[in-house]
Amino acid sequence: MTVGVAGRHIGIHGHTLQGTQQIMTAAGMGVVALGAGVGLALRRAKQA
């Protein structure tokens, strides 16, 4: 799935999302980014 963010609009596969869909998509992207960051931090802590 491809998600693009441009200004105040979020689009998926060429379709612009509205209202609640934008909030849920942004929240999901935040959760994925947070999980990736935690995973990298834990990996780095084990290597040190």
N, C-alpha and C. Protein backbone atom coordinates (compact mmCIF):
# COMPACT_ATOMS: atom_id res chain seq x y z
N MET A 1 0.84 -1.17 0.00
CA MET A 1 0.00 0.00 0.00
C MET A 1 0.90 1.24 0.00
N THR A 2 0.52 2.21 -0.77
CA THR A 2 1.26 3.45 -0.86
C THR A 2 0.43 4.58 -0.27
N VAL A 3 1.02 5.32 0.67
CA VAL A 3 0.34 6.46 1.27
C VAL A 3 1.18 7.69 1.01
N GLY A 4 0.56 8.71 0.47
CA GLY A 4 1.25 9.97 0.22
C GLY A 4 0.64 11.09 1.03
N VAL A 5 1.49 11.97 1.55
CA VAL A 5 1.01 13.10 2.34
C VAL A 5 1.46 14.37 1.65
N ALA A 6 0.50 15.24 1.36
CA ALA A 6 0.80 16.53 0.71
C ALA A 6 -0.01 17.61 1.39
N GLY A 7 0.65 18.41 2.20
CA GLY A 7 -0.07 19.47 2.90
C GLY A 7 -1.05 18.89 3.90
N ARG A 8 -2.33 19.24 3.76
CA ARG A 8 -3.35 18.75 4.68
C ARG A 8 -4.11 17.57 4.10
N HIS A 9 -3.65 17.01 3.01
CA HIS A 9 -4.35 15.92 2.35
C HIS A 9 -3.52 14.64 2.38
N ILE A 10 -4.17 13.54 2.66
CA ILE A 10 -3.54 12.22 2.63
C ILE A 10 -4.20 11.43 1.52
N GLY A 11 -3.39 10.82 0.67
CA GLY A 11 -3.94 10.04 -0.43
C GLY A 11 -3.39 8.64 -0.45
N ILE A 12 -4.24 7.69 -0.83
CA ILE A 12 -3.84 6.29 -0.97
C ILE A 12 -4.19 5.87 -2.38
N HIS A 13 -3.19 5.44 -3.14
CA HIS A 13 -3.39 4.97 -4.52
C HIS A 13 -4.18 5.98 -5.36
N GLY A 14 -3.88 7.26 -5.21
CA GLY A 14 -4.52 8.28 -6.03
C GLY A 14 -5.87 8.77 -5.52
N HIS A 15 -6.37 8.22 -4.41
CA HIS A 15 -7.65 8.64 -3.85
C HIS A 15 -7.39 9.48 -2.60
N THR A 16 -8.01 10.65 -2.52
CA THR A 16 -7.85 11.52 -1.35
C THR A 16 -8.77 11.06 -0.23
N LEU A 17 -8.23 10.96 0.97
CA LEU A 17 -9.02 10.55 2.13
C LEU A 17 -9.65 11.78 2.78
N GLN A 18 -10.74 11.55 3.48
CA GLN A 18 -11.47 12.64 4.13
C GLN A 18 -11.61 12.37 5.63
N GLY A 19 -11.60 13.44 6.42
CA GLY A 19 -11.94 13.41 7.85
C GLY A 19 -11.33 12.29 8.65
N THR A 20 -12.19 11.41 9.14
CA THR A 20 -11.78 10.33 10.03
C THR A 20 -10.78 9.40 9.37
N GLN A 21 -10.91 9.19 8.07
CA GLN A 21 -9.96 8.33 7.36
C GLN A 21 -8.56 8.91 7.44
N GLN A 22 -8.42 10.23 7.34
CA GLN A 22 -7.11 10.86 7.44
C GLN A 22 -6.53 10.67 8.83
N ILE A 23 -7.36 10.84 9.85
CA ILE A 23 -6.89 10.69 11.23
C ILE A 23 -6.43 9.26 11.49
N MET A 24 -7.22 8.28 11.06
CA MET A 24 -6.85 6.89 11.29
C MET A 24 -5.60 6.49 10.51
N THR A 25 -5.47 6.99 9.29
CA THR A 25 -4.28 6.69 8.48
C THR A 25 -3.04 7.31 9.13
N ALA A 26 -3.15 8.56 9.57
CA ALA A 26 -2.03 9.21 10.23
C ALA A 26 -1.65 8.50 11.52
N ALA A 27 -2.64 8.07 12.28
CA ALA A 27 -2.37 7.34 13.52
C ALA A 27 -1.68 6.02 13.23
N GLY A 28 -2.13 5.32 12.20
CA GLY A 28 -1.49 4.06 11.82
C GLY A 28 -0.06 4.25 11.38
N MET A 29 0.19 5.31 10.61
CA MET A 29 1.56 5.60 10.18
C MET A 29 2.43 5.93 11.38
N GLY A 30 1.87 6.63 12.37
CA GLY A 30 2.61 6.95 13.58
C GLY A 30 2.97 5.71 14.37
N VAL A 31 2.04 4.78 14.48
CA VAL A 31 2.29 3.53 15.21
C VAL A 31 3.39 2.73 14.53
N VAL A 32 3.35 2.66 13.21
CA VAL A 32 4.39 1.93 12.47
C VAL A 32 5.75 2.59 12.68
N ALA A 33 5.80 3.93 12.60
CA ALA A 33 7.06 4.64 12.79
C ALA A 33 7.59 4.45 14.21
N LEU A 34 6.70 4.50 15.19
CA LEU A 34 7.11 4.30 16.58
C LEU A 34 7.65 2.89 16.79
N GLY A 35 6.97 1.90 16.22
CA GLY A 35 7.44 0.52 16.34
C GLY A 35 8.80 0.32 15.70
N ALA A 36 9.01 0.95 14.54
CA ALA A 36 10.32 0.84 13.88
C ALA A 36 11.40 1.50 14.71
N GLY A 37 11.09 2.65 15.30
CA GLY A 37 12.07 3.35 16.14
C GLY A 37 12.44 2.54 17.37
N VAL A 38 11.45 1.96 18.01
CA VAL A 38 11.70 1.13 19.20
C VAL A 38 12.53 -0.09 18.81
N GLY A 39 12.19 -0.71 17.70
CA GLY A 39 12.96 -1.86 17.24
C GLY A 39 14.41 -1.53 16.99
N LEU A 40 14.66 -0.39 16.35
CA LEU A 40 16.05 0.03 16.11
C LEU A 40 16.78 0.35 17.38
N ALA A 41 16.10 1.00 18.34
CA ALA A 41 16.73 1.35 19.61
C ALA A 41 17.09 0.10 20.40
N LEU A 42 16.19 -0.87 20.43
CA LEU A 42 16.47 -2.10 21.15
C LEU A 42 17.61 -2.89 20.49
N ARG A 43 17.63 -2.89 19.17
CA ARG A 43 18.70 -3.58 18.44
C ARG A 43 20.04 -2.94 18.73
N ARG A 44 20.08 -1.60 18.73
CA ARG A 44 21.32 -0.89 18.99
C ARG A 44 21.80 -1.13 20.44
N ALA A 45 20.85 -1.19 21.40
CA ALA A 45 21.21 -1.42 22.80
C ALA A 45 21.84 -2.80 22.98
N LYS A 46 21.35 -3.81 22.26
CA LYS A 46 21.90 -5.15 22.37
C LYS A 46 23.29 -5.24 21.76
N GLN A 47 23.58 -4.47 20.71
CA GLN A 47 24.87 -4.51 20.05
C GLN A 47 25.95 -3.80 20.87
N ALA A 48 25.57 -2.83 21.69
CA ALA A 48 26.54 -2.03 22.44
C ALA A 48 27.10 -2.78 23.62
